[in-house]
Amino acid sequence: MCALALSESILKYMIPWLDLDWPLNPEEIYGREGPLVLEIGFGNGGFLVEQAQNHPEALFLGIERSWGAAQRLFKRLEQMGLQNVRVIQGGAEFLLQHAFKPDSIEKVYINFSDPWPKERHHNRRLIQQEFVKLLGERLVADGQV
């Protein structure tokens, strides 16, 4: 994919969350209603793409810190022509806290999160008590993680 095509894909799939009002409004972002499904740390994007293909009614949002991973996903999304996926580059805890309303997320996938096994890295771990509490607040009543 050439640089121009990648730039167009970025504009199409990336949510410029710093430029939008918070909390985010999925209907404005996707142009339609649907259950909001997050994947935190989508890596190569394979799972996110597969879920989006299998559930076209849902609005999928991938959250990823790695710009390289986001670029690879943009290419896949463009090749597949998927319209129900968007990407935010940033930290999941910050985004969950500020960019989403309570009771707004239907489902959250966290596949293969980095465990940071050393005790001195404890504060870098994603799955901690406060994060789980925040997830619970953002999920709809019968939401799933």
Foldseek 3Di string as FASTA:
>chain_A
DDPVLLVVLCVQAEDPVVPDDPQDDVCVNLVHDAAEEEEEACQQVPVVVVVCVVCVRHAYEYEEQDPVSVSNNSVVCVVVVGRRYHYYHDDPQVCLVIHAAFQRHQEYHYPPFDQQPDPVCVVVGQDDDVNVVSVNRRHHPPHYD
